[in-house]
Amino acid sequence: MIEGEENLITEAKQGSAASFGKLYDHYIAPIYRFIYMKVTNRHEAEDLTHEVFLSAWQNLYRYRPQGFPFSSWLYQIARNRVIDHYRLRKNNVSIEGLDVDIVSAVSSVEHTLDDDLSLRHVRSAMQRLNHDQQDVVLMKFMQDLSHGEIAKIMGRSEGAVRLIQHRAISELKRLLNANLNEAQPL
């Protein structure tokens, strides 16, 4: 949350492009990272990020805090844009082409051969999760959102988000253990 966010939102609702610009500057990087992790193509991620902020600006009059930060509303718009993007393309969400440099920057993981191999295994396992599981894992562990924020974004209860997270982590563990067992010589 940015200092004075409520005032910036109020001013932006009254037409202050400068106030919305401050919100944009604060949230552009995390929204872009979230979208990029879902579409894995820089140009598409940039276009979708632009669409998110354009939609936010055009629909700001509809925003109501309801106990959640402004970022939750932006993530909800971003998630819907990504879903629409894949509906139009009739593709499945894939993080196969994920740029290792972006993940490393986000998670501050040093580039070693072991890390790169581990990242490939995680990416491969992530691909096997359903859309909701991927979204929850990315928002919780890459974007550091609370269960409440994720629930708001996804239109689910906090309990449902916790269950999705639990199932996703269990499935990731199973997949990664299976992958590890396959890689170990007998």
Protein backbone atom coordinates (compact mmCIF):
# COMPACT_ATOMS: atom_id res chain seq x y z
CA MET A 1 0.00 0.00 0.00
CA ILE A 2 1.27 3.43 -0.90
CA GLU A 3 1.24 6.26 1.64
CA GLY A 4 -1.81 8.45 1.17
CA GLU A 5 -3.42 5.88 -1.11
CA GLU A 6 -6.97 6.72 -0.06
CA ASN A 7 -6.42 10.40 -0.90
CA LEU A 8 -4.83 9.50 -4.24
CA ILE A 9 -7.81 7.31 -5.10
CA THR A 10 -10.27 10.04 -4.11
CA GLU A 11 -8.41 12.60 -6.21
CA ALA A 12 -8.14 10.18 -9.14
CA LYS A 13 -11.89 9.54 -8.94
CA GLN A 14 -12.34 13.29 -9.26
CA GLY A 15 -10.30 13.23 -12.47
CA SER A 16 -6.73 13.84 -11.26
CA ALA A 17 -4.49 12.07 -13.76
CA ALA A 18 -1.47 12.95 -11.61
CA SER A 19 -2.93 11.09 -8.62
CA PHE A 20 -3.76 8.08 -10.77
CA GLY A 21 -0.24 8.31 -12.18
CA LYS A 22 1.19 7.89 -8.68
CA LEU A 23 -0.97 4.80 -8.17
CA TYR A 24 0.14 3.53 -11.57
CA ASP A 25 3.81 4.08 -10.78
CA HIS A 26 3.47 2.21 -7.49
CA TYR A 27 1.56 -0.80 -8.85
CA ILE A 28 2.82 -1.20 -12.42
CA ALA A 29 5.72 -3.55 -11.58
CA PRO A 30 3.83 -6.09 -9.44
CA ILE A 31 0.85 -6.17 -11.82
CA TYR A 32 3.18 -6.64 -14.79
CA ARG A 33 5.04 -9.47 -12.99
CA PHE A 34 1.76 -11.21 -12.17
CA ILE A 35 0.59 -11.00 -15.77
CA TYR A 36 3.97 -11.97 -17.17
CA MET A 37 4.06 -15.08 -14.97
CA LYS A 38 0.77 -16.10 -16.55
CA VAL A 39 1.38 -15.29 -20.22
CA THR A 40 5.21 -15.59 -20.39
CA ASN A 41 5.46 -13.30 -23.37
CA ARG A 42 6.80 -9.81 -22.71
CA HIS A 43 4.80 -8.08 -25.43
CA GLU A 44 1.53 -9.72 -24.43
CA ALA A 45 2.25 -8.96 -20.76
CA GLU A 46 2.94 -5.31 -21.58
CA ASP A 47 -0.26 -5.05 -23.63
CA LEU A 48 -2.36 -6.72 -20.95
CA THR A 49 -0.82 -4.56 -18.22
CA HIS A 50 -1.69 -1.49 -20.25
CA GLU A 51 -5.26 -2.78 -20.60
CA VAL A 52 -5.49 -3.36 -16.84
CA PHE A 53 -4.54 0.21 -15.99
CA LEU A 54 -6.68 1.66 -18.75
CA SER A 55 -9.64 -0.32 -17.43
CA ALA A 56 -8.83 0.76 -13.87
CA TRP A 57 -8.76 4.42 -14.93
CA GLN A 58 -12.00 4.12 -16.88
CA ASN A 59 -13.79 2.25 -14.09
CA LEU A 60 -12.28 3.92 -11.04
CA TYR A 61 -15.68 5.34 -10.12
CA ARG A 62 -16.76 1.73 -9.37
CA TYR A 63 -13.92 1.03 -6.93
CA ARG A 64 -14.98 0.56 -3.31
CA PRO A 65 -12.31 -0.31 -0.69
CA GLN A 66 -14.41 -2.87 1.28
CA GLY A 67 -11.47 -3.47 3.64
CA PHE A 68 -9.02 -4.52 0.93
CA PRO A 69 -6.19 -2.53 -0.60
CA PHE A 70 -6.44 -0.97 -4.05
CA SER A 71 -3.98 -3.60 -5.31
CA SER A 72 -6.61 -6.33 -4.78
CA TRP A 73 -8.88 -4.56 -7.23
CA LEU A 74 -6.05 -4.23 -9.74
CA TYR A 75 -5.14 -7.93 -9.42
CA GLN A 76 -8.78 -8.82 -9.98
CA ILE A 77 -8.80 -6.81 -13.20
CA ALA A 78 -5.46 -8.37 -14.22
CA ARG A 79 -6.67 -11.89 -13.53
CA ASN A 80 -9.81 -11.29 -15.58
CA ARG A 81 -7.77 -9.84 -18.46
CA VAL A 82 -5.51 -12.90 -18.48
CA ILE A 83 -8.53 -15.21 -18.45
CA ASP A 84 -10.08 -13.27 -21.34
CA HIS A 85 -6.76 -13.34 -23.17
CA TYR A 86 -6.64 -17.14 -23.04
CA ARG A 87 -10.32 -17.52 -23.85
CA LEU A 88 -9.79 -15.54 -27.01
CA ARG A 89 -6.72 -17.54 -27.94
CA LYS A 90 -8.22 -20.83 -26.76
CA ASN A 91 -4.89 -21.75 -25.19
CA ASN A 92 -4.17 -23.13 -21.77
CA VAL A 93 -2.32 -21.00 -19.23
CA SER A 94 1.29 -21.99 -19.52
CA ILE A 95 4.36 -20.89 -17.67
CA GLU A 96 6.69 -23.11 -19.72
CA GLY A 97 8.35 -20.21 -21.49
CA LEU A 98 8.92 -18.36 -18.23
CA ASP A 99 11.99 -16.18 -18.37
CA VAL A 100 14.35 -17.49 -15.68
CA ASP A 101 15.79 -14.00 -15.20
CA ILE A 102 12.39 -12.59 -14.18
CA VAL A 103 11.78 -15.34 -11.64
CA SER A 104 15.29 -14.89 -10.30
CA ALA A 105 14.81 -11.16 -9.89
CA VAL A 106 11.47 -11.63 -8.18
CA SER A 107 12.59 -14.39 -5.85
CA SER A 108 16.24 -13.27 -5.50
CA VAL A 109 17.47 -16.75 -6.36
CA GLU A 110 21.10 -16.88 -7.47
CA HIS A 111 21.71 -18.39 -10.88
CA THR A 112 23.45 -21.68 -10.38
CA LEU A 113 23.02 -24.81 -12.42
CA ASP A 114 21.15 -26.49 -9.56
CA ASP A 115 18.79 -23.54 -9.23
CA ASP A 116 18.12 -23.52 -12.97
CA LEU A 117 17.36 -27.24 -12.95
CA SER A 118 15.12 -26.86 -9.89
CA LEU A 119 13.33 -23.95 -11.53
CA ARG A 120 12.66 -26.05 -14.63
CA HIS A 121 11.19 -28.79 -12.46
CA VAL A 122 9.00 -26.30 -10.60
CA ARG A 123 7.87 -24.70 -13.87
CA SER A 124 7.01 -28.11 -15.26
CA ALA A 125 5.07 -29.02 -12.12
CA MET A 126 3.29 -25.64 -12.10
CA GLN A 127 2.05 -26.31 -15.63
CA ARG A 128 0.18 -29.35 -14.37
CA LEU A 129 -1.82 -27.36 -11.82
CA ASN A 130 -5.24 -26.08 -12.77
CA HIS A 131 -5.75 -22.35 -13.44
CA ASP A 132 -7.00 -21.51 -9.96
CA GLN A 133 -4.13 -23.37 -8.32
CA GLN A 134 -1.61 -21.53 -10.50
CA ASP A 135 -3.22 -18.19 -9.66
CA VAL A 136 -3.22 -18.83 -5.92
CA VAL A 137 0.41 -20.01 -5.88
CA LEU A 138 1.57 -17.02 -7.93
CA MET A 139 -0.41 -14.45 -5.94
CA LYS A 140 0.51 -15.94 -2.56
CA PHE A 141 4.17 -16.75 -3.07
CA MET A 142 5.28 -14.44 -5.88
CA GLN A 143 3.13 -11.40 -5.13
CA ASP A 144 2.92 -11.98 -1.34
CA LEU A 145 -0.81 -11.29 -1.20
CA SER A 146 -2.89 -12.31 1.81
CA HIS A 147 -5.52 -15.01 1.61
CA GLY A 148 -8.16 -12.29 1.99
CA GLU A 149 -6.79 -10.32 -0.96
CA ILE A 150 -6.59 -13.45 -3.11
CA ALA A 151 -10.15 -14.39 -2.13
CA LYS A 152 -11.37 -10.93 -3.17
CA ILE A 153 -9.52 -11.12 -6.49
CA MET A 154 -10.81 -14.60 -7.29
CA GLY A 155 -14.33 -14.06 -5.99
CA ARG A 156 -13.97 -16.93 -3.52
CA SER A 157 -14.00 -17.29 0.25
CA GLU A 158 -10.75 -17.26 2.21
CA GLY A 159 -11.40 -20.88 3.16
CA ALA A 160 -11.70 -21.83 -0.51
CA VAL A 161 -8.43 -20.03 -1.29
CA ARG A 162 -6.68 -21.85 1.57
CA LEU A 163 -8.03 -25.15 0.27
CA ILE A 164 -6.89 -24.38 -3.28
CA GLN A 165 -3.45 -23.42 -1.91
CA HIS A 166 -3.24 -26.60 0.17
CA ARG A 167 -4.18 -28.78 -2.79
CA ALA A 168 -1.76 -26.91 -5.07
CA ILE A 169 1.14 -27.32 -2.68
CA SER A 170 0.30 -31.00 -2.11
CA GLU A 171 0.17 -31.57 -5.85
CA LEU A 172 3.43 -29.66 -6.40
CA LYS A 173 5.14 -31.77 -3.72
CA ARG A 174 3.83 -34.95 -5.30
CA LEU A 175 4.93 -33.90 -8.77
CA LEU A 176 8.35 -32.69 -7.63
CA ASN A 177 8.95 -35.87 -5.59
CA ALA A 178 7.96 -37.99 -8.57
CA ASN A 179 10.30 -35.95 -10.75
CA LEU A 180 13.11 -36.33 -8.19
CA ASN A 181 12.58 -40.10 -7.96
CA GLU A 182 12.74 -40.39 -11.75
CA ALA A 183 15.99 -38.40 -11.86
CA GLN A 184 17.81 -40.46 -9.20
CA PRO A 185 19.84 -43.42 -10.46
CA LEU A 186 19.05 -46.83 -9.00
